[in-house]
Protein backbone atom coordinates (compact mmCIF):
# COMPACT_ATOMS: atom_id res chain seq x y z
CA MET A 1 11.31 129.58 17.58
CA ASP A 2 14.35 127.65 16.35
CA GLN A 3 13.68 124.14 15.10
CA GLU A 4 14.99 121.35 17.32
CA ARG A 5 17.98 119.60 15.80
CA ILE A 6 17.73 115.92 14.94
CA ASP A 7 20.86 114.04 16.03
CA PHE A 8 21.28 110.77 14.17
CA LEU A 9 23.98 108.18 14.97
CA TYR A 10 24.93 105.51 12.44
CA HIS A 11 27.84 103.50 11.09
CA TYR A 12 28.65 102.20 7.62
CA THR A 13 29.34 98.68 6.44
CA LEU A 14 30.42 97.39 3.04
CA LYS A 15 26.99 95.75 2.68
CA PRO A 16 23.64 97.57 2.31
CA ASP A 17 22.28 96.36 5.65
CA TRP A 18 23.60 99.47 7.47
CA GLN A 19 20.77 101.53 5.90
CA GLN A 20 18.27 99.82 8.19
CA GLN A 21 19.55 102.12 10.93
CA ILE A 22 18.07 105.08 9.02
CA VAL A 23 14.83 103.25 8.28
CA GLU A 24 14.32 102.38 11.93
CA LYS A 25 15.46 105.64 13.52
CA LEU A 26 14.17 108.24 11.05
CA GLY A 27 11.27 106.46 9.35
CA ALA A 28 12.99 106.39 5.97
CA GLU A 29 11.84 104.27 3.03
CA LEU A 30 14.31 101.88 1.39
CA LYS A 31 13.73 100.65 -2.17
CA ASP A 32 15.49 97.55 -3.53
CA ASN A 33 17.97 97.82 -0.64
CA LYS A 34 19.58 100.70 -2.58
CA ILE A 35 17.58 103.95 -2.79
CA LEU A 36 16.68 105.58 0.48
CA THR A 37 14.22 108.45 0.98
CA LEU A 38 13.70 110.38 4.21
CA PRO A 39 10.32 111.70 5.36
CA GLN A 40 9.50 114.96 3.53
CA SER A 41 9.37 116.74 6.88
CA ILE A 42 13.13 116.08 7.24
CA ALA A 43 14.49 116.22 3.68
CA SER A 44 13.61 115.94 0.01
CA GLY A 45 15.71 113.99 -2.45
CA SER A 46 17.26 110.60 -1.84
CA SER A 47 20.44 108.58 -1.44
CA ILE A 48 21.72 105.46 -3.14
CA PHE A 49 24.09 102.70 -1.97
CA LEU A 50 25.77 100.23 -4.33
CA GLU A 51 28.33 97.47 -3.95
CA VAL A 52 30.78 98.20 -6.76
CA LEU A 53 32.99 95.12 -6.40
CA PRO A 54 34.26 92.98 -3.52
CA GLY A 55 35.93 95.39 -1.10
CA LEU A 56 34.45 98.61 -2.54
CA SER A 57 31.03 100.18 -2.04
CA VAL A 58 29.71 103.65 -2.82
CA PHE A 59 27.09 105.81 -1.11
CA LEU A 60 25.75 108.96 -2.77
CA LEU A 61 23.51 111.44 -0.98
CA ASP A 62 21.56 114.08 -2.92
CA MET A 63 19.16 115.78 -0.53
CA THR A 64 17.86 119.15 0.60
CA PHE A 65 17.29 119.20 4.35
CA HIS A 66 14.35 121.12 5.80
CA VAL A 67 15.28 120.88 9.49
CA PRO A 68 18.59 121.01 11.40
CA VAL A 69 20.24 117.58 11.35
CA ALA A 70 23.50 116.32 12.85
CA ILE A 71 24.56 113.13 11.03
CA ILE A 72 27.01 111.44 13.39
CA ARG A 73 29.07 108.56 12.09
CA GLU A 74 30.13 106.43 15.04
CA ALA A 75 33.64 105.07 15.35
CA THR A 76 33.80 101.31 14.74
CA ASP A 77 36.50 98.65 14.60
CA GLN A 78 35.41 97.42 11.19
CA ASN A 79 38.04 96.67 8.57
CA PHE A 80 37.51 99.56 6.14
CA TYR A 81 38.55 103.08 5.25
CA MET A 82 36.23 105.78 4.03
CA ALA A 83 36.86 108.48 1.45
CA TYR A 84 34.32 111.27 1.20
CA TYR A 85 33.64 114.00 -1.34
CA ASP A 86 31.31 116.83 -0.32
CA PHE A 87 30.61 118.63 -3.55
CA GLY A 88 29.55 122.23 -3.12
CA ASP A 89 30.95 125.74 -2.94
CA GLU A 90 34.46 125.67 -1.50
CA ILE A 91 34.30 129.39 -0.71
CA THR A 92 31.17 130.92 0.80
CA THR A 93 30.49 134.59 1.41
CA HIS A 94 28.14 136.31 3.82
CA VAL A 95 27.07 139.91 3.27
CA LEU A 96 27.21 142.19 6.29
CA ASN A 97 25.31 145.49 6.29
CA ASP A 98 24.46 145.15 2.58
CA THR A 99 28.04 145.66 1.49
CA ALA A 100 30.23 143.43 -0.63
CA HIS A 101 33.38 144.43 1.22
CA LYS A 102 34.54 142.83 4.45
CA ALA A 103 31.53 140.57 4.02
CA GLY A 104 33.00 137.59 5.82
CA TYR A 105 34.35 134.61 3.95
CA ASN A 106 34.62 130.96 4.87
CA SER A 107 36.63 128.33 3.04
CA LYS A 108 36.00 124.61 3.43
CA LEU A 109 37.66 121.35 2.46
CA GLY A 110 35.63 118.95 0.36
CA MET A 111 37.61 115.71 0.46
CA GLY A 112 38.70 113.47 3.30
CA PHE A 113 40.10 110.01 3.94
CA MET A 114 39.83 108.24 7.28
CA ASP A 115 39.74 104.99 9.18
CA ALA A 116 36.40 103.59 10.33
CA SER A 117 37.71 104.03 13.89
CA ILE A 118 37.49 107.83 13.51
CA LYS A 119 34.23 109.55 14.41
CA GLY A 120 32.68 112.03 11.97
CA VAL A 121 29.93 114.65 12.27
CA ILE A 122 28.15 116.40 9.38
CA MET A 123 25.57 119.17 9.77
CA PRO A 124 24.11 119.85 6.30
CA PRO A 125 22.78 123.33 5.49
CA ILE A 126 19.02 123.87 5.60
CA GLY A 127 17.30 124.64 2.31
CA GLU A 128 20.39 124.02 0.15
CA ARG A 129 21.26 120.99 -1.95
CA SER A 130 23.65 118.62 -0.18
CA TYR A 131 25.55 116.45 -2.64
CA SER A 132 28.13 114.09 -1.20
CA LEU A 133 29.68 110.79 -2.17
CA ARG A 134 31.32 108.20 0.10
CA LEU A 135 33.66 105.41 -0.92
CA ILE A 136 33.78 102.57 1.61
CA ILE A 137 36.94 100.56 0.96
CA ASP A 138 38.18 97.35 2.54
CA LYS A 139 41.54 97.96 4.23
CA ASP A 140 43.21 94.98 2.59
CA PHE A 141 42.03 96.23 -0.81
CA VAL A 142 43.55 99.68 -0.15
CA LYS A 143 46.83 98.10 0.92
CA GLU A 144 46.89 95.94 -2.19
CA LEU A 145 46.36 98.96 -4.46
CA TYR A 146 48.76 101.21 -2.58
CA THR A 147 51.70 98.82 -2.08
CA PRO A 148 53.28 99.23 -5.55
CA ASN A 149 53.59 102.99 -4.95
CA ARG A 150 55.84 102.81 -1.86
CA GLU A 151 58.84 100.93 -0.53
CA GLU A 152 58.03 97.82 1.51
CA LEU A 153 59.42 99.30 4.75
CA ILE A 154 57.28 102.44 4.43
CA ASN A 155 54.19 100.40 3.56
CA SER A 156 54.57 98.19 6.62
CA SER A 157 54.69 101.29 8.83
CA LEU A 158 51.85 103.09 7.03
CA PHE A 159 49.44 100.20 7.49
CA ASP A 160 50.56 99.23 10.99
CA GLU A 161 47.63 100.56 13.01
CA SER A 162 49.56 100.31 16.26
CA LYS A 163 51.98 102.93 14.89
CA ASN A 164 50.03 104.97 12.37
CA THR A 165 46.58 106.37 11.57
CA LEU A 166 45.69 106.96 7.92
CA PHE A 167 43.74 110.21 7.89
CA PHE A 168 43.73 113.44 5.88
CA TYR A 169 41.60 116.37 4.72
CA THR A 170 42.09 118.37 1.54
CA HIS A 171 40.32 119.94 -1.46
CA ILE A 172 38.81 117.77 -4.17
CA ASP A 173 41.25 117.39 -7.07
CA SER A 174 40.29 118.71 -10.51
CA LYS A 175 39.88 115.28 -12.16
CA SER A 176 37.50 114.13 -9.42
CA LYS A 177 35.53 117.40 -9.69
CA ILE A 178 34.92 116.77 -13.39
CA LEU A 179 33.57 113.28 -12.65
CA LEU A 180 31.34 114.51 -9.84
CA ASN A 181 29.99 117.37 -11.96
CA LYS A 182 28.94 114.94 -14.67
CA LEU A 183 27.29 112.66 -12.13
CA LYS A 184 25.53 115.57 -10.43
CA ASP A 185 23.63 116.34 -13.65
CA LEU A 186 22.08 112.86 -13.75
CA SER A 187 18.92 111.69 -11.99
CA PHE A 188 18.93 108.50 -9.93
CA THR A 189 16.14 107.31 -12.25
CA ASN A 190 18.34 107.60 -15.35
CA ALA A 191 18.65 104.17 -16.99
CA SER A 192 22.43 104.25 -16.91
CA PHE A 193 22.83 105.95 -13.53
CA GLU A 194 23.94 102.92 -11.51
CA LEU A 195 26.55 102.01 -14.12
CA LYS A 196 27.85 105.60 -14.16
CA LEU A 197 27.96 105.72 -10.35
CA LYS A 198 29.99 102.51 -10.17
CA SER A 199 32.32 103.77 -12.90
CA THR A 200 32.75 107.08 -11.05
CA ALA A 201 33.56 105.22 -7.83
CA LEU A 202 36.32 103.24 -9.55
CA TYR A 203 37.86 106.34 -11.11
CA LEU A 204 37.69 108.24 -7.81
CA LEU A 205 39.48 105.38 -6.08
CA THR A 206 42.17 105.39 -8.77
CA TYR A 207 42.71 109.14 -8.42
CA LEU A 208 42.76 108.81 -4.62
CA ILE A 209 45.51 106.19 -4.68
CA GLU A 210 47.53 108.21 -7.21
CA ARG A 211 47.23 111.35 -5.11
CA ALA A 212 47.97 109.68 -1.79
CA SER A 213 51.09 108.07 -3.24
CA ARG A 214 52.54 111.58 -3.69
CA PHE A 215 51.99 112.56 -0.05
CA GLU A 216 54.98 112.62 2.26
CA PRO A 217 54.58 109.62 4.59
CA ILE A 218 54.29 110.82 8.21
CA ILE A 219 54.05 107.89 10.60
CA ASN A 220 52.08 108.91 13.66
CA LYS A 221 49.25 107.45 15.70
CA LEU A 222 46.36 109.92 16.01
CA SER A 223 43.83 110.16 18.79
CA GLN A 224 40.33 111.53 18.22
CA GLN A 225 41.30 114.53 20.37
CA ASP A 226 44.41 115.18 18.26
CA ILE A 227 42.29 115.16 15.10
CA ASP A 228 39.61 117.41 16.57
CA ASN A 229 42.18 119.91 17.89
CA ILE A 230 44.09 120.13 14.61
CA LEU A 231 40.91 120.51 12.55
CA ASN A 232 39.63 123.21 14.91
CA THR A 233 42.72 125.30 14.19
CA ALA A 234 42.33 124.70 10.45
CA GLN A 235 38.71 125.82 10.70
CA PHE A 236 39.80 128.92 12.61
CA MET A 237 42.23 129.83 9.82
CA MET A 238 39.62 129.24 7.12
CA LYS A 239 37.23 131.61 8.90
CA ASN A 240 39.88 134.33 9.20
CA LEU A 241 41.40 134.49 5.74
CA THR A 242 41.27 138.30 5.59
CA SER A 243 43.48 138.54 8.69
CA GLU A 244 47.19 137.91 9.08
CA PHE A 245 48.54 134.45 9.94
CA ILE A 246 48.45 134.36 13.74
CA GLY A 247 51.59 132.27 14.13
CA LEU A 248 52.55 128.75 15.10
CA GLU A 249 52.74 129.45 18.81
CA ALA A 250 49.17 130.76 18.97
CA LEU A 251 47.83 127.87 16.86
CA ALA A 252 49.70 125.24 18.89
CA LYS A 253 48.33 126.77 22.09
CA MET A 254 44.83 126.69 20.60
CA ALA A 255 45.35 122.97 19.87
CA GLY A 256 46.80 122.29 23.33
CA MET A 257 50.05 120.97 21.88
CA SER A 258 53.73 121.82 21.74
CA VAL A 259 54.77 123.65 18.58
CA SER A 260 56.79 120.66 17.37
CA LYS A 261 53.90 118.20 17.82
CA TYR A 262 51.44 120.63 16.26
CA LYS A 263 53.57 121.10 13.12
CA VAL A 264 53.94 117.36 12.57
CA LEU A 265 50.28 116.49 13.12
CA PHE A 266 49.01 119.44 11.09
CA LYS A 267 51.08 118.40 8.08
CA LYS A 268 50.01 114.78 8.49
CA ILE A 269 46.31 115.69 8.46
CA LEU A 270 46.20 118.71 6.11
CA LYS A 271 49.22 117.82 3.92
CA GLU A 272 50.63 121.34 4.31
CA THR A 273 52.49 123.35 6.92
CA PRO A 274 50.13 125.62 8.92
CA ASN A 275 51.51 128.76 7.26
CA GLY A 276 51.42 127.12 3.82
CA PHE A 277 47.85 125.99 4.41
CA PHE A 278 46.74 129.48 5.43
CA LEU A 279 48.41 131.06 2.38
CA GLN A 280 46.92 128.46 0.05
CA GLU A 281 43.40 129.08 1.38
CA LYS A 282 43.86 132.86 1.23
CA LEU A 283 44.97 132.69 -2.39
CA LEU A 284 42.13 130.35 -3.33
CA LEU A 285 39.80 132.97 -1.88
CA ALA A 286 41.68 135.63 -3.85
CA GLN A 287 40.93 133.73 -7.05
CA GLN A 288 37.22 133.71 -6.20
CA LEU A 289 37.18 137.42 -5.40
CA LEU A 290 39.04 138.39 -8.57
CA LYS A 291 36.45 136.54 -10.67
CA SER A 292 33.44 137.72 -8.66
CA GLY A 293 32.92 140.96 -10.58
CA ASN A 294 32.75 142.91 -7.33
CA PHE A 295 36.11 144.69 -7.37
CA ASN A 296 37.46 147.44 -9.59
CA SER A 297 41.15 146.66 -9.21
CA VAL A 298 43.70 144.16 -7.96
CA THR A 299 44.53 146.69 -5.24
CA GLU A 300 40.98 146.45 -3.86
CA VAL A 301 41.23 142.65 -3.70
CA ALA A 302 44.64 142.89 -2.03
CA TYR A 303 43.27 145.22 0.64
CA GLU A 304 40.24 142.98 1.12
CA LEU A 305 42.58 140.11 1.95
CA GLY A 306 44.70 142.14 4.34
CA TYR A 307 47.67 142.87 2.05
CA ASN A 308 49.09 146.39 2.34
CA LYS A 309 50.88 146.29 -1.02
CA ALA A 310 49.19 145.15 -4.22
CA GLY A 311 52.58 144.35 -5.79
CA TYR A 312 53.44 141.88 -3.04
CA PHE A 313 49.99 140.29 -3.33
CA SER A 314 50.44 139.94 -7.11
CA GLY A 315 53.77 138.21 -6.59
CA VAL A 316 52.53 135.56 -4.14
CA TYR A 317 49.39 135.04 -6.22
CA LYS A 318 51.42 134.39 -9.37
CA LYS A 319 53.71 132.00 -7.50
CA MET A 320 50.72 129.83 -6.58
CA HIS A 321 48.47 130.14 -9.63
CA GLY A 322 51.05 130.72 -12.38
CA TYR A 323 49.60 134.01 -13.64
CA LEU A 324 49.08 137.54 -12.35
CA PRO A 325 45.80 138.48 -10.65
CA ALA A 326 45.24 141.25 -13.20
CA GLU A 327 44.90 138.56 -15.88
CA VAL A 328 41.72 137.15 -14.29
CA LEU A 329 40.23 140.26 -12.67
CA LEU A 330 36.60 140.71 -13.68
CA LYS A 331 35.44 144.28 -13.01
CA PRO A 332 31.87 145.28 -12.18
CA GLU A 333 29.77 146.38 -15.11
CA GLN A 334 29.55 150.16 -15.41
CA GLY A 335 26.82 151.53 -13.18
CA ASN A 336 26.18 148.26 -11.30
CA VAL A 337 26.57 148.01 -7.57
CA ALA A 338 28.91 145.20 -6.50
CA GLN A 339 27.12 142.39 -4.73
CA ILE A 340 28.29 139.12 -3.21
C-alpha cells in the first residue's frame, strides 16, 4: 500500500519564529531557535536558519525524507523576496526494460527567485538526500543593491509591484555551485559551519545580483496561473528532450495563451525563448550522455537525442559548449555493458 502523503503549509519570515509552524504541525524539535529536526518517521537530517544581517536570512535544509511530503509555501504579502538553490542532479535518468537507450531523461532547474506573494510547492524524493538553500531578502535591501546596475526609469518599473512581478527560474551558475559544493561537505556541527553558511549566503546574494543585472528587463505583472501555466510547459519540454521541439503554437495552446503572450511571459520567467530553452536543455543532456560512458560514438548520442545527422548535432553542440562532442565522448570500457 502506498504511504499517505503529508501536506505541510508554511510561510517564511526574516526572523526565526516561522519555524514554530513546523514544530507545532509536524512535531519537530527546534534547538537554539536555529537547528530543526523532524521526527525520524518523517525524515532524517536537519535544517538550520540564521539571520545573516538586517534584511537577509538564510535557511539550509539537509534531509532524507522517508515518507511522501508536499512542502507548500503559502503566498503572503510580506516585504521580502526569496532565492532558492536546490542542489542535486540536474539531469536524471530512468532505465526502462534494463536498457541504457531510450531510458527516459528528465532535466530540472535548480535556482529560482520569487516574490513572497508567489506560492511554491516542493515534493522531495523519498530515500534520497535533499539539499537546498533559501535566501530570504528584504525587498528594500534588494532594490538598494540592484539600483546601481540599471537606469532609474527601468528600476522604478522593475520594482513597481502594480506593474511588474520579479520572478524567474534557471540553472545554478557555476560560481554558486562551487560554494554550495564546499558547504555540502560540512556538518552542521562543524565549529565554523555557521560562519561559512553566512559567508556563503552573502556570496550567493552577490552572484544573484550580478546575474540578474544582465537579464533583459521585461516589465509584466504575473498571476499565479500565468506562472503555473508557463512552468508546466517548461516541465513538459524538460521531460521530452529526446523528441523534436513541438512548436510555439502547441506550447501556447498548452498554456492557454496567445502565442505573443506566451513568448513574452516564457522569456520573462525562464530567461530564454521557448525554442532556445528547449535546445539549451537538450544540449545539457547531450553533455551528460557524452560523459556517461554508455555510448560508443557521437552518432549514437545524436540518435538518442532525436538528431538524424551526427554532423548537424556536432555543429549545434559546439555552438553552445565551445567544443565538439567527440572531444568529451567517454566510451564504454571494452566488454562492459552500458548502464545508466
